N, C-alpha and C. Protein backbone atom coordinates (compact mmCIF):
# COMPACT_ATOMS: atom_id res chain seq x y z
N MET A 1 156.97 175.41 96.55
CA MET A 1 155.80 174.56 96.67
C MET A 1 156.15 173.37 97.55
N VAL A 2 155.30 173.06 98.48
CA VAL A 2 155.51 171.96 99.40
C VAL A 2 154.91 170.69 98.83
N ASP A 3 155.67 169.60 98.89
CA ASP A 3 155.17 168.30 98.48
C ASP A 3 154.64 167.60 99.72
N TYR A 4 153.33 167.71 99.95
CA TYR A 4 152.72 167.13 101.14
C TYR A 4 152.81 165.62 101.15
N GLU A 5 153.02 165.01 99.99
CA GLU A 5 153.11 163.55 99.90
C GLU A 5 154.38 163.01 100.53
N GLN A 6 155.39 163.87 100.73
CA GLN A 6 156.64 163.40 101.33
C GLN A 6 156.52 163.20 102.84
N TYR A 7 155.42 163.64 103.42
CA TYR A 7 155.21 163.52 104.86
C TYR A 7 154.07 162.56 105.15
N SER A 8 154.13 161.96 106.31
CA SER A 8 152.98 161.18 106.78
C SER A 8 152.29 162.00 107.86
N PHE A 9 151.01 161.82 107.97
CA PHE A 9 150.21 162.56 108.94
C PHE A 9 149.39 161.57 109.75
N PRO A 10 149.56 161.57 111.08
CA PRO A 10 148.77 160.64 111.89
C PRO A 10 147.30 161.02 111.84
N SER A 11 146.45 160.06 112.08
CA SER A 11 145.01 160.32 112.09
C SER A 11 144.67 161.32 113.18
N PRO A 12 143.87 162.34 112.87
CA PRO A 12 143.45 163.28 113.90
C PRO A 12 142.52 162.62 114.93
N LEU A 13 142.01 161.43 114.63
CA LEU A 13 141.12 160.73 115.56
C LEU A 13 141.86 159.77 116.48
N LYS A 14 143.21 159.72 116.40
CA LYS A 14 143.97 158.82 117.26
C LYS A 14 143.64 159.12 118.73
N GLY A 15 143.22 158.10 119.45
CA GLY A 15 142.81 158.26 120.85
C GLY A 15 141.34 158.56 121.02
N TYR A 16 140.64 158.81 119.93
CA TYR A 16 139.21 159.15 119.97
C TYR A 16 138.37 158.15 119.17
N GLU A 17 138.98 157.05 118.75
CA GLU A 17 138.32 156.10 117.86
C GLU A 17 137.08 155.45 118.46
N HIS A 18 137.05 155.26 119.78
CA HIS A 18 135.98 154.47 120.39
C HIS A 18 134.96 155.32 121.15
N LEU A 19 134.93 156.59 120.87
CA LEU A 19 133.95 157.44 121.53
C LEU A 19 132.59 157.32 120.84
N ALA A 20 131.56 157.71 121.56
CA ALA A 20 130.20 157.66 121.01
C ALA A 20 130.10 158.57 119.78
N GLU A 21 129.18 158.21 118.91
CA GLU A 21 128.95 159.02 117.72
C GLU A 21 128.44 160.41 118.14
N LEU A 22 128.89 161.42 117.44
CA LEU A 22 128.49 162.79 117.77
C LEU A 22 127.05 163.06 117.33
N PRO A 23 126.33 163.87 118.10
CA PRO A 23 124.94 164.20 117.73
C PRO A 23 124.90 165.15 116.52
N ASN A 24 123.82 165.14 115.81
CA ASN A 24 123.62 166.04 114.68
C ASN A 24 122.75 167.23 115.04
N GLU A 25 122.54 167.45 116.32
CA GLU A 25 121.70 168.54 116.81
C GLU A 25 122.34 169.89 116.48
N ILE A 26 121.54 170.80 115.95
CA ILE A 26 122.01 172.14 115.60
C ILE A 26 121.84 173.07 116.81
N ALA A 27 122.84 173.89 117.02
CA ALA A 27 122.84 174.82 118.17
C ALA A 27 121.87 175.97 117.95
N GLU A 28 121.73 176.76 118.98
CA GLU A 28 120.79 177.89 119.00
C GLU A 28 121.04 178.89 117.87
N ASP A 29 122.30 179.03 117.42
CA ASP A 29 122.60 179.99 116.35
C ASP A 29 122.10 179.53 114.99
N GLY A 30 121.63 178.27 114.90
CA GLY A 30 121.08 177.75 113.66
C GLY A 30 122.13 177.30 112.66
N LYS A 31 123.41 177.39 113.00
CA LYS A 31 124.47 177.03 112.06
C LYS A 31 125.45 176.00 112.61
N SER A 32 125.79 176.11 113.87
CA SER A 32 126.81 175.22 114.43
C SER A 32 126.16 174.00 115.09
N PHE A 33 127.00 173.04 115.42
CA PHE A 33 126.51 171.82 116.06
C PHE A 33 126.63 171.91 117.58
N VAL A 34 125.78 171.18 118.27
CA VAL A 34 125.87 171.03 119.72
C VAL A 34 126.89 169.93 119.97
N ASN A 35 127.90 170.23 120.76
CA ASN A 35 128.93 169.25 121.09
C ASN A 35 128.71 168.72 122.50
N PRO A 36 128.95 167.42 122.70
CA PRO A 36 128.79 166.88 124.05
C PRO A 36 129.83 167.47 124.98
N GLN A 37 129.39 167.97 126.12
CA GLN A 37 130.30 168.58 127.09
C GLN A 37 130.79 167.53 128.07
N THR A 38 132.10 167.59 128.38
CA THR A 38 132.68 166.62 129.32
C THR A 38 133.02 167.27 130.65
N GLY A 39 133.02 168.60 130.69
CA GLY A 39 133.42 169.29 131.91
C GLY A 39 134.93 169.40 132.06
N VAL A 40 135.66 168.89 131.09
CA VAL A 40 137.13 168.92 131.13
C VAL A 40 137.62 169.61 129.86
N LEU A 41 138.48 170.62 130.04
CA LEU A 41 139.05 171.30 128.88
C LEU A 41 140.21 170.49 128.31
N SER A 42 140.46 170.65 127.04
CA SER A 42 141.60 170.02 126.39
C SER A 42 142.89 170.47 127.06
N GLU A 43 143.86 169.56 127.18
CA GLU A 43 145.17 169.91 127.73
C GLU A 43 145.86 170.97 126.88
N ALA A 44 145.46 171.10 125.61
CA ALA A 44 146.08 172.07 124.70
C ALA A 44 145.87 173.51 125.16
N TYR A 45 144.91 173.75 126.07
CA TYR A 45 144.75 175.09 126.61
C TYR A 45 145.91 175.46 127.53
N GLU A 46 146.54 174.47 128.12
CA GLU A 46 147.58 174.70 129.12
C GLU A 46 149.00 174.43 128.62
N LYS A 47 149.17 173.48 127.69
CA LYS A 47 150.51 173.17 127.20
C LYS A 47 150.43 172.81 125.73
N PHE A 48 151.53 173.09 125.02
CA PHE A 48 151.59 172.73 123.61
C PHE A 48 151.64 171.22 123.47
N VAL A 49 151.04 170.72 122.41
CA VAL A 49 151.00 169.28 122.15
C VAL A 49 152.36 168.80 121.64
N ASP A 50 152.65 167.53 121.85
CA ASP A 50 153.85 166.92 121.28
C ASP A 50 153.73 166.95 119.78
N PRO A 51 154.78 167.18 119.05
CA PRO A 51 156.17 167.33 119.46
C PRO A 51 156.64 168.78 119.55
N ILE A 52 155.76 169.71 119.85
CA ILE A 52 156.16 171.12 119.93
C ILE A 52 157.08 171.32 121.13
N ASP A 53 158.17 172.03 120.88
CA ASP A 53 159.20 172.29 121.89
C ASP A 53 158.62 173.17 123.00
N ILE A 54 158.74 172.71 124.23
CA ILE A 54 158.29 173.53 125.35
C ILE A 54 159.49 174.01 126.16
N GLY A 55 160.67 173.89 125.58
CA GLY A 55 161.89 174.27 126.28
C GLY A 55 162.42 175.62 125.86
N ARG A 56 163.73 175.72 125.82
CA ARG A 56 164.44 176.97 125.57
C ARG A 56 164.09 177.60 124.22
N ARG A 57 163.89 176.78 123.21
CA ARG A 57 163.63 177.32 121.87
C ARG A 57 162.28 178.04 121.78
N GLY A 58 161.32 177.59 122.54
CA GLY A 58 159.99 178.19 122.48
C GLY A 58 159.07 177.38 121.60
N GLY A 59 157.79 177.42 121.89
CA GLY A 59 156.82 176.62 121.17
C GLY A 59 156.58 177.05 119.73
N PHE A 60 156.50 178.36 119.51
CA PHE A 60 156.23 178.88 118.17
C PHE A 60 157.13 180.07 117.88
N ASP A 61 157.54 180.16 116.62
CA ASP A 61 158.20 181.36 116.10
C ASP A 61 157.20 182.10 115.24
N ILE A 62 157.23 183.41 115.33
CA ILE A 62 156.44 184.26 114.45
C ILE A 62 157.42 185.19 113.77
N HIS A 63 157.57 185.04 112.44
CA HIS A 63 158.45 185.89 111.64
C HIS A 63 157.59 186.96 110.99
N ILE A 64 157.92 188.20 111.22
CA ILE A 64 157.13 189.31 110.68
C ILE A 64 157.97 190.00 109.61
N TYR A 65 157.47 189.97 108.37
CA TYR A 65 158.23 190.38 107.19
C TYR A 65 157.86 191.77 106.71
N PHE A 66 158.87 192.43 106.14
CA PHE A 66 158.64 193.71 105.46
C PHE A 66 159.66 193.85 104.33
N PHE A 67 159.26 194.62 103.33
CA PHE A 67 160.16 194.88 102.21
C PHE A 67 161.10 196.01 102.61
N GLN A 68 162.37 195.67 102.74
CA GLN A 68 163.36 196.58 103.31
C GLN A 68 163.57 197.85 102.48
N GLU A 69 163.25 197.83 101.21
CA GLU A 69 163.41 199.02 100.37
C GLU A 69 162.17 199.91 100.37
N ASN A 70 161.09 199.43 100.98
CA ASN A 70 159.85 200.19 101.06
C ASN A 70 159.89 201.00 102.36
N LYS A 71 160.07 202.32 102.24
CA LYS A 71 160.25 203.16 103.43
C LYS A 71 159.07 203.10 104.38
N ALA A 72 157.87 203.05 103.84
CA ALA A 72 156.68 203.00 104.70
C ALA A 72 156.63 201.68 105.47
N GLN A 73 156.91 200.56 104.80
CA GLN A 73 156.92 199.27 105.49
C GLN A 73 158.07 199.20 106.49
N PHE A 74 159.22 199.73 106.12
CA PHE A 74 160.37 199.73 107.03
C PHE A 74 160.01 200.45 108.33
N LYS A 75 159.40 201.62 108.21
CA LYS A 75 159.01 202.38 109.40
C LYS A 75 157.92 201.65 110.18
N PHE A 76 156.93 201.12 109.47
CA PHE A 76 155.85 200.42 110.15
C PHE A 76 156.40 199.22 110.92
N ALA A 77 157.32 198.47 110.30
CA ALA A 77 157.91 197.29 110.95
C ALA A 77 158.65 197.69 112.23
N HIS A 78 159.42 198.76 112.16
CA HIS A 78 160.15 199.21 113.35
C HIS A 78 159.18 199.70 114.44
N ASP A 79 158.13 200.38 114.04
CA ASP A 79 157.13 200.84 115.01
C ASP A 79 156.41 199.64 115.64
N LEU A 80 156.07 198.65 114.82
CA LEU A 80 155.40 197.45 115.33
C LEU A 80 156.32 196.68 116.29
N TRP A 81 157.58 196.56 115.93
CA TRP A 81 158.58 195.91 116.79
C TRP A 81 158.66 196.60 118.15
N THR A 82 158.68 197.94 118.12
CA THR A 82 158.73 198.72 119.36
C THR A 82 157.48 198.48 120.19
N ARG A 83 156.32 198.51 119.56
CA ARG A 83 155.05 198.29 120.26
C ARG A 83 155.01 196.91 120.88
N ILE A 84 155.45 195.90 120.14
CA ILE A 84 155.44 194.53 120.66
C ILE A 84 156.34 194.42 121.88
N ARG A 85 157.49 195.06 121.83
CA ARG A 85 158.41 195.01 122.98
C ARG A 85 157.80 195.67 124.20
N HIS A 86 157.02 196.73 123.99
CA HIS A 86 156.35 197.39 125.12
C HIS A 86 155.16 196.58 125.63
N GLU A 87 154.34 196.09 124.71
CA GLU A 87 153.09 195.43 125.11
C GLU A 87 153.27 193.97 125.53
N PHE A 88 154.28 193.30 124.98
CA PHE A 88 154.50 191.88 125.27
C PHE A 88 155.95 191.64 125.73
N PRO A 89 156.39 192.26 126.82
CA PRO A 89 157.79 192.12 127.23
C PRO A 89 158.17 190.71 127.66
N GLU A 90 157.18 189.87 127.96
CA GLU A 90 157.46 188.50 128.37
C GLU A 90 157.84 187.59 127.20
N LEU A 91 157.59 188.04 125.99
CA LEU A 91 157.94 187.25 124.81
C LEU A 91 159.40 187.49 124.45
N ARG A 92 160.00 186.54 123.74
CA ARG A 92 161.37 186.75 123.25
C ARG A 92 161.25 187.42 121.88
N ILE A 93 161.88 188.58 121.76
CA ILE A 93 161.78 189.39 120.55
C ILE A 93 163.19 189.67 120.06
N TYR A 94 163.47 189.24 118.84
CA TYR A 94 164.80 189.39 118.26
C TYR A 94 164.94 190.75 117.58
N ARG A 95 166.16 191.07 117.22
CA ARG A 95 166.43 192.33 116.52
C ARG A 95 165.76 192.34 115.16
N VAL A 96 165.65 193.52 114.59
CA VAL A 96 165.11 193.67 113.25
C VAL A 96 166.24 193.41 112.25
N PHE A 97 166.04 192.43 111.38
CA PHE A 97 167.00 192.15 110.31
C PHE A 97 166.59 193.01 109.12
N ASP A 98 167.49 193.85 108.65
CA ASP A 98 167.14 194.78 107.57
C ASP A 98 167.46 194.23 106.19
N LYS A 99 167.72 192.92 106.12
CA LYS A 99 167.94 192.25 104.84
C LYS A 99 167.55 190.79 105.03
N PRO A 100 167.41 190.03 103.93
CA PRO A 100 167.06 188.61 104.06
C PRO A 100 168.10 187.86 104.89
N VAL A 101 167.62 186.89 105.67
CA VAL A 101 168.49 186.07 106.50
C VAL A 101 167.94 184.64 106.50
N GLY A 102 168.83 183.66 106.40
CA GLY A 102 168.40 182.26 106.38
C GLY A 102 167.45 182.00 105.23
N PRO A 103 166.35 181.30 105.49
CA PRO A 103 165.40 180.99 104.41
C PRO A 103 164.43 182.14 104.11
N HIS A 104 164.55 183.22 104.85
CA HIS A 104 163.58 184.31 104.77
C HIS A 104 163.94 185.25 103.62
N PRO A 105 163.01 185.51 102.69
CA PRO A 105 163.32 186.20 101.44
C PRO A 105 163.44 187.73 101.54
N VAL A 106 162.96 188.30 102.63
CA VAL A 106 163.01 189.75 102.81
C VAL A 106 163.34 190.03 104.28
N ALA A 107 163.47 191.30 104.61
CA ALA A 107 163.76 191.71 105.98
C ALA A 107 162.65 191.22 106.92
N MET A 108 163.01 191.05 108.19
CA MET A 108 162.01 190.56 109.14
C MET A 108 162.53 190.70 110.56
N PHE A 109 161.62 190.48 111.51
CA PHE A 109 162.00 190.25 112.89
C PHE A 109 161.19 189.07 113.40
N GLU A 110 161.67 188.49 114.48
CA GLU A 110 161.07 187.26 114.99
C GLU A 110 160.63 187.43 116.44
N VAL A 111 159.51 186.80 116.75
CA VAL A 111 158.98 186.77 118.11
C VAL A 111 158.75 185.30 118.47
N ASN A 112 159.14 184.91 119.68
CA ASN A 112 158.90 183.54 120.16
C ASN A 112 157.85 183.56 121.26
N VAL A 113 156.94 182.58 121.21
CA VAL A 113 155.97 182.39 122.29
C VAL A 113 156.22 181.03 122.93
N PHE A 114 155.98 180.93 124.23
CA PHE A 114 156.33 179.75 125.00
C PHE A 114 155.15 178.98 125.57
N THR A 115 153.96 179.59 125.55
CA THR A 115 152.79 178.94 126.13
C THR A 115 151.57 179.16 125.24
N PRO A 116 150.58 178.27 125.34
CA PRO A 116 149.34 178.51 124.60
C PRO A 116 148.70 179.85 124.97
N ALA A 117 148.81 180.27 126.22
CA ALA A 117 148.22 181.57 126.62
C ALA A 117 148.91 182.71 125.88
N GLN A 118 150.24 182.67 125.78
CA GLN A 118 150.96 183.71 125.04
C GLN A 118 150.56 183.68 123.57
N PHE A 119 150.49 182.49 122.99
CA PHE A 119 150.08 182.34 121.60
C PHE A 119 148.69 182.93 121.40
N GLY A 120 147.77 182.55 122.30
CA GLY A 120 146.38 183.00 122.20
C GLY A 120 146.21 184.50 122.37
N ALA A 121 147.12 185.14 123.08
CA ALA A 121 147.07 186.60 123.23
C ALA A 121 147.76 187.30 122.07
N PHE A 122 148.96 186.82 121.71
CA PHE A 122 149.77 187.55 120.74
C PHE A 122 149.29 187.41 119.30
N VAL A 123 148.96 186.19 118.87
CA VAL A 123 148.61 185.99 117.45
C VAL A 123 147.36 186.77 117.06
N PRO A 124 146.26 186.72 117.82
CA PRO A 124 145.11 187.56 117.45
C PRO A 124 145.44 189.05 117.46
N TRP A 125 146.26 189.48 118.43
CA TRP A 125 146.69 190.88 118.47
C TRP A 125 147.44 191.23 117.19
N LEU A 126 148.33 190.33 116.75
CA LEU A 126 149.10 190.58 115.54
C LEU A 126 148.22 190.61 114.30
N VAL A 127 147.22 189.74 114.23
CA VAL A 127 146.30 189.73 113.09
C VAL A 127 145.69 191.11 112.91
N VAL A 128 145.31 191.76 113.99
CA VAL A 128 144.65 193.06 113.93
C VAL A 128 145.65 194.21 113.74
N ASN A 129 146.88 194.07 114.25
CA ASN A 129 147.82 195.18 114.29
C ASN A 129 148.99 195.09 113.31
N ARG A 130 149.05 194.08 112.46
CA ARG A 130 150.21 193.88 111.59
C ARG A 130 150.27 194.85 110.41
N GLY A 131 149.18 195.56 110.15
CA GLY A 131 149.17 196.52 109.06
C GLY A 131 149.46 195.85 107.72
N PRO A 132 150.38 196.42 106.92
CA PRO A 132 150.66 195.89 105.59
C PRO A 132 151.64 194.72 105.59
N LEU A 133 152.06 194.26 106.76
CA LEU A 133 153.10 193.25 106.85
C LEU A 133 152.51 191.84 106.85
N SER A 134 153.33 190.88 106.44
CA SER A 134 152.97 189.46 106.49
C SER A 134 153.71 188.79 107.62
N ALA A 135 153.14 187.70 108.11
CA ALA A 135 153.80 186.96 109.19
C ALA A 135 153.67 185.46 108.95
N LEU A 136 154.75 184.77 109.24
CA LEU A 136 154.79 183.31 109.21
C LEU A 136 154.75 182.83 110.65
N VAL A 137 153.80 181.98 110.97
CA VAL A 137 153.67 181.41 112.31
C VAL A 137 153.95 179.92 112.19
N HIS A 138 154.98 179.45 112.91
CA HIS A 138 155.29 178.02 112.82
C HIS A 138 155.71 177.45 114.17
N PRO A 139 155.39 176.17 114.40
CA PRO A 139 155.83 175.51 115.62
C PRO A 139 157.30 175.15 115.53
N ASN A 140 157.90 174.84 116.65
CA ASN A 140 159.25 174.30 116.70
C ASN A 140 159.16 172.86 117.16
N THR A 141 159.28 171.94 116.20
CA THR A 141 159.17 170.51 116.50
C THR A 141 160.49 169.79 116.35
N GLY A 142 161.52 170.50 115.87
CA GLY A 142 162.80 169.85 115.60
C GLY A 142 162.99 169.53 114.13
N ASP A 143 161.97 169.72 113.31
CA ASP A 143 162.07 169.51 111.87
C ASP A 143 161.85 170.87 111.20
N ASP A 144 162.95 171.62 111.06
CA ASP A 144 162.83 173.00 110.58
C ASP A 144 162.14 173.12 109.23
N GLU A 145 162.47 172.23 108.30
CA GLU A 145 161.86 172.33 106.98
C GLU A 145 160.34 172.13 107.05
N ARG A 146 159.92 171.10 107.75
CA ARG A 146 158.49 170.84 107.87
C ARG A 146 157.80 171.96 108.66
N ASP A 147 158.47 172.45 109.72
CA ASP A 147 157.87 173.53 110.51
C ASP A 147 157.62 174.78 109.68
N HIS A 148 158.54 175.08 108.76
CA HIS A 148 158.42 176.29 107.93
C HIS A 148 157.51 176.08 106.71
N THR A 149 157.05 174.84 106.48
CA THR A 149 156.23 174.56 105.30
C THR A 149 154.89 173.97 105.71
N THR A 150 154.82 172.64 105.87
CA THR A 150 153.53 172.00 106.11
C THR A 150 152.93 172.34 107.47
N ASN A 151 153.77 172.65 108.46
CA ASN A 151 153.25 173.00 109.79
C ASN A 151 153.01 174.50 109.96
N ALA A 152 153.31 175.28 108.96
CA ALA A 152 153.25 176.74 109.06
C ALA A 152 151.87 177.30 108.69
N THR A 153 151.60 178.46 109.26
CA THR A 153 150.40 179.23 108.92
C THR A 153 150.84 180.65 108.60
N TRP A 154 150.22 181.24 107.61
CA TRP A 154 150.55 182.61 107.22
C TRP A 154 149.45 183.57 107.62
N ILE A 155 149.88 184.76 108.03
CA ILE A 155 148.98 185.88 108.27
C ILE A 155 149.36 186.91 107.21
N GLY A 156 148.43 187.25 106.36
CA GLY A 156 148.77 188.15 105.25
C GLY A 156 149.25 187.36 104.05
N LYS A 157 149.99 188.02 103.20
CA LYS A 157 150.46 187.40 101.95
C LYS A 157 151.58 186.41 102.23
N LYS A 158 151.45 185.22 101.66
CA LYS A 158 152.47 184.18 101.80
C LYS A 158 153.67 184.54 100.91
N LEU A 159 154.86 184.42 101.50
CA LEU A 159 156.10 184.70 100.77
C LEU A 159 156.86 183.40 100.53
N PRO A 160 157.59 183.30 99.42
CA PRO A 160 158.36 182.08 99.16
C PRO A 160 159.60 182.03 100.04
N LEU A 161 159.81 180.90 100.70
CA LEU A 161 160.98 180.71 101.54
C LEU A 161 162.00 179.84 100.81
N ASP A 162 163.27 180.02 101.11
CA ASP A 162 164.33 179.20 100.54
C ASP A 162 164.55 178.00 101.45
N VAL A 163 163.62 177.05 101.43
CA VAL A 163 163.69 175.91 102.34
C VAL A 163 164.78 174.92 101.95
N GLY A 164 165.36 175.07 100.78
CA GLY A 164 166.48 174.23 100.39
C GLY A 164 167.64 174.36 101.36
N LEU A 165 167.74 175.49 102.04
CA LEU A 165 168.80 175.69 103.03
C LEU A 165 168.70 174.66 104.16
N PHE A 166 167.49 174.28 104.52
CA PHE A 166 167.33 173.30 105.59
C PHE A 166 167.91 171.95 105.18
N ARG A 167 167.72 171.56 103.91
CA ARG A 167 168.28 170.30 103.43
C ARG A 167 169.79 170.34 103.43
N ILE A 168 170.36 171.46 103.04
CA ILE A 168 171.82 171.61 103.03
C ILE A 168 172.37 171.45 104.44
N VAL A 169 171.75 172.10 105.40
CA VAL A 169 172.19 172.00 106.80
C VAL A 169 172.04 170.57 107.29
N ARG A 170 170.90 169.94 107.00
CA ARG A 170 170.64 168.57 107.45
C ARG A 170 171.68 167.62 106.86
N GLU A 171 172.00 167.75 105.57
CA GLU A 171 173.00 166.89 104.93
C GLU A 171 174.39 167.12 105.50
N ALA A 172 174.73 168.38 105.79
CA ALA A 172 176.04 168.68 106.39
C ALA A 172 176.15 168.08 107.78
N GLU A 173 175.07 168.16 108.56
CA GLU A 173 175.07 167.58 109.91
C GLU A 173 175.19 166.06 109.84
N ALA A 174 174.51 165.43 108.88
CA ALA A 174 174.60 163.98 108.72
C ALA A 174 176.02 163.56 108.33
N LYS A 175 176.64 164.32 107.44
CA LYS A 175 178.02 164.02 107.02
C LYS A 175 178.98 164.17 108.19
N LYS A 176 178.79 165.23 108.98
CA LYS A 176 179.65 165.46 110.14
C LYS A 176 179.51 164.32 111.14
N ALA A 177 178.27 163.88 111.38
CA ALA A 177 178.04 162.77 112.31
C ALA A 177 178.67 161.49 111.78
N LYS A 178 178.54 161.24 110.48
CA LYS A 178 179.12 160.05 109.87
C LYS A 178 180.65 160.10 109.97
N ASP A 179 181.24 161.24 109.65
CA ASP A 179 182.69 161.39 109.74
C ASP A 179 183.17 161.20 111.18
N GLY A 180 182.42 161.72 112.14
CA GLY A 180 182.75 161.56 113.55
C GLY A 180 182.70 160.11 113.99
N ASN A 181 181.68 159.38 113.51
CA ASN A 181 181.55 157.96 113.85
C ASN A 181 182.70 157.15 113.26
N GLU A 182 183.08 157.47 112.01
CA GLU A 182 184.20 156.76 111.37
C GLU A 182 185.51 157.06 112.08
N ALA A 183 185.70 158.30 112.53
CA ALA A 183 186.92 158.66 113.24
C ALA A 183 187.01 157.94 114.58
N ASN A 184 185.86 157.76 115.24
CA ASN A 184 185.84 157.05 116.53
C ASN A 184 186.17 155.58 116.39
N ARG A 185 185.86 154.98 115.21
CA ARG A 185 186.16 153.57 114.98
C ARG A 185 187.64 153.34 114.73
N ASN A 186 188.33 154.36 114.26
CA ASN A 186 189.76 154.20 113.90
C ASN A 186 190.66 154.42 115.05
């Protein structure tokens, strides 16, 4: 369970505070609102927003899970992995892990996307083609624990992750940095 209170969240209206009030006019479909058009698309169509990594790591990771002891899921996962490699060769696609690895509770494979266009093509495709499998979609912002929890979105059934591993790694890195700083002073 994620404790959302441990994080702060900036206002979604930051930078939009002084714009005109939105109209209450209902659109032709009778359900949605008419939005004022500016003639300019959001930059988010072209690049990921800060602080999402746009470098080597990739903007988003998609972990696709299967129960390794379930023969039907095992086969489906391998078939899906093969299809993804054929249909989306521009994406980074890791090997199939046939057992839990890191914070992931069951077998999985990972796909990285680097642009909003790749995200917009691959994620809807996965929603339709994932079959009985679940997927975790998360950004890479440099905060692995938050990325795998509060910043994450699930497709299919949500699985429990061992996010305590991220704290262990973070504490070990802090200790190493502290020890290094003390050694440099001596």
